Amino acid sequence: MIGSPSKVKHIFKDLLKEGFTRSRLAQVHAPIGLDLGAETPDEIALSIAAEMVMIRKKATGAPLNTLHQLLTEEEAAVEEVPAGSR
C-alpha cells in the first residue's frame, strides 16, 4: 500500500473501526519503499522500485559498502588458520 506512515496509520485506524482485525491488517505491506530519505515524487518512486526489486530478487537491502568488511573478516579468518592445515 502506498502512503506515508501517518496516512497508513490513519487508514488502519479507520479499518479497525470498520471491523477489520489487526491480524488481517498485518498482512498489508505498508508503507512501501526503502528508507532513502525520499521527498520528491521521483525519489519516492525510486524507493518503491528499489524495494520491489529487493523483494523480487530476495535480497537483503543491506548497503553494498559493507561487502569490503566481510572480505576483510574472511581474510582475517584465513590468516588465523595455521599454514600447515590449509
C-alpha atoms as a PDB file:
ATOM      1  CA  MET A   1       0.000   0.000   0.000  1.00  0.00           C
ATOM      2  CA  ILE A   2       1.418   3.372  -0.999  1.00  0.00           C
ATOM      3  CA  GLY A   3       1.183   6.124   1.595  1.00  0.00           C
ATOM      4  CA  SER A   4       3.169   7.914   4.234  1.00  0.00           C
ATOM      5  CA  PRO A   5       3.452   6.240   7.642  1.00  0.00           C
ATOM      6  CA  SER A   6       0.980   8.767   9.113  1.00  0.00           C
ATOM      7  CA  LYS A   7      -1.527   8.187   6.305  1.00  0.00           C
ATOM      8  CA  VAL A   8      -1.231   4.401   6.656  1.00  0.00           C
ATOM      9  CA  LYS A   9      -1.766   4.699  10.423  1.00  0.00           C
ATOM     10  CA  HIS A  10      -4.899   6.816   9.869  1.00  0.00           C
ATOM     11  CA  ILE A  11      -6.302   4.363   7.308  1.00  0.00           C
ATOM     12  CA  PHE A  12      -5.571   1.381   9.567  1.00  0.00           C
ATOM     13  CA  LYS A  13      -7.390   3.062  12.473  1.00  0.00           C
ATOM     14  CA  ASP A  14     -10.418   3.610  10.222  1.00  0.00           C
ATOM     15  CA  LEU A  15     -10.315  -0.006   9.044  1.00  0.00           C
ATOM     16  CA  LEU A  16     -10.158  -1.256  12.654  1.00  0.00           C
ATOM     17  CA  LYS A  17     -13.286   0.798  13.417  1.00  0.00           C
ATOM     18  CA  GLU A  18     -14.985  -0.826  10.418  1.00  0.00           C
ATOM     19  CA  GLY A  19     -14.278  -4.282  11.835  1.00  0.00           C
ATOM     20  CA  PHE A  20     -11.035  -5.389  10.225  1.00  0.00           C
ATOM     21  CA  THR A  21      -8.809  -7.381  12.579  1.00  0.00           C
ATOM     22  CA  ARG A  22      -5.241  -6.479  13.461  1.00  0.00           C
ATOM     23  CA  SER A  23      -4.072  -9.823  12.065  1.00  0.00           C
ATOM     24  CA  ARG A  24      -5.728  -9.001   8.733  1.00  0.00           C
ATOM     25  CA  LEU A  25      -4.096  -5.560   8.651  1.00  0.00           C
ATOM     26  CA  ALA A  26      -0.726  -7.147   9.470  1.00  0.00           C
ATOM     27  CA  GLN A  27      -0.910  -8.797   6.035  1.00  0.00           C
ATOM     28  CA  VAL A  28      -0.797  -5.395   4.337  1.00  0.00           C
ATOM     29  CA  HIS A  29       2.662  -4.330   3.183  1.00  0.00           C
ATOM     30  CA  ALA A  30       2.648  -0.661   4.104  1.00  0.00           C
ATOM     31  CA  PRO A  31       4.106   1.804   3.785  1.00  0.00           C
ATOM     32  CA  ILE A  32       6.022   0.670   0.720  1.00  0.00           C
ATOM     33  CA  GLY A  33       9.520   1.758  -0.220  1.00  0.00           C
ATOM     34  CA  LEU A  34      13.001   1.770   1.241  1.00  0.00           C
ATOM     35  CA  ASP A  35      14.063   4.495   3.640  1.00  0.00           C
ATOM     36  CA  LEU A  36      16.101   6.672   1.291  1.00  0.00           C
ATOM     37  CA  GLY A  37      15.020   9.965   2.800  1.00  0.00           C
ATOM     38  CA  ALA A  38      12.894  10.455  -0.304  1.00  0.00           C
ATOM     39  CA  GLU A  39      10.988  13.729  -0.597  1.00  0.00           C
ATOM     40  CA  THR A  40      10.199  14.344  -4.265  1.00  0.00           C
ATOM     41  CA  PRO A  41       7.841  12.156  -6.339  1.00  0.00           C
ATOM     42  CA  ASP A  42      10.846  10.884  -8.328  1.00  0.00           C
ATOM     43  CA  GLU A  43      12.709   9.923  -5.143  1.00  0.00           C
ATOM     44  CA  ILE A  44       9.613   8.220  -3.712  1.00  0.00           C
ATOM     45  CA  ALA A  45       9.169   6.253  -6.957  1.00  0.00           C
ATOM     46  CA  LEU A  46      12.822   5.196  -6.761  1.00  0.00           C
ATOM     47  CA  SER A  47      12.423   3.988  -3.156  1.00  0.00           C
ATOM     48  CA  ILE A  48       9.343   1.951  -4.136  1.00  0.00           C
ATOM     49  CA  ALA A  49      11.010   0.464  -7.237  1.00  0.00           C
ATOM     50  CA  ALA A  50      14.118  -0.398  -5.207  1.00  0.00           C
ATOM     51  CA  GLU A  51      12.045  -2.289  -2.638  1.00  0.00           C
ATOM     52  CA  MET A  52      10.176  -4.146  -5.384  1.00  0.00           C
ATOM     53  CA  VAL A  53      13.465  -5.306  -6.924  1.00  0.00           C
ATOM     54  CA  MET A  54      14.816  -6.231  -3.494  1.00  0.00           C
ATOM     55  CA  ILE A  55      11.781  -8.416  -2.746  1.00  0.00           C
ATOM     56  CA  ARG A  56      11.700  -9.993  -6.207  1.00  0.00           C
ATOM     57  CA  LYS A  57      15.400 -10.892  -6.002  1.00  0.00           C
ATOM     58  CA  LYS A  58      15.105 -11.981  -2.343  1.00  0.00           C
ATOM     59  CA  ALA A  59      17.884  -9.541  -1.443  1.00  0.00           C
ATOM     60  CA  THR A  60      18.583  -8.033   1.985  1.00  0.00           C
ATOM     61  CA  GLY A  61      18.701  -4.359   1.152  1.00  0.00           C
ATOM     62  CA  ALA A  62      21.953  -4.081   3.095  1.00  0.00           C
ATOM     63  CA  PRO A  63      24.349  -1.367   1.896  1.00  0.00           C
ATOM     64  CA  LEU A  64      26.872  -2.766  -0.558  1.00  0.00           C
ATOM     65  CA  ASN A  65      29.705  -0.811   1.032  1.00  0.00           C
ATOM     66  CA  THR A  66      29.679  -3.365   3.860  1.00  0.00           C
ATOM     67  CA  LEU A  67      30.985  -6.060   1.497  1.00  0.00           C
ATOM     68  CA  HIS A  68      34.566  -4.915   1.990  1.00  0.00           C
ATOM     69  CA  GLN A  69      34.125  -5.530   5.721  1.00  0.00           C
ATOM     70  CA  LEU A  70      33.017  -9.106   5.031  1.00  0.00           C
ATOM     71  CA  LEU A  71      36.043  -9.683   2.826  1.00  0.00           C
ATOM     72  CA  THR A  72      38.337  -8.293   5.494  1.00  0.00           C
ATOM     73  CA  GLU A  73      36.780 -10.612   8.097  1.00  0.00           C
ATOM     74  CA  GLU A  74      37.193 -13.620   5.783  1.00  0.00           C
ATOM     75  CA  GLU A  75      40.827 -12.711   5.102  1.00  0.00           C
ATOM     76  CA  ALA A  76      41.469 -12.398   8.835  1.00  0.00           C
ATOM     77  CA  ALA A  77      39.936 -15.824   9.427  1.00  0.00           C
ATOM     78  CA  VAL A  78      42.174 -17.365   6.749  1.00  0.00           C
ATOM     79  CA  GLU A  79      45.240 -15.744   8.290  1.00  0.00           C
ATOM     80  CA  GLU A  80      44.376 -17.273  11.693  1.00  0.00           C
ATOM     81  CA  VAL A  81      44.468 -20.832  10.260  1.00  0.00           C
ATOM     82  CA  PRO A  82      47.955 -22.328  10.688  1.00  0.00           C
ATOM     83  CA  ALA A  83      49.783 -22.604   7.333  1.00  0.00           C
ATOM     84  CA  GLY A  84      50.209 -26.396   7.606  1.00  0.00           C
ATOM     85  CA  SER A  85      46.468 -27.021   7.931  1.00  0.00           C
ATOM     86  CA  ARG A  86      45.432 -25.181   4.724  1.00  0.00           C
END
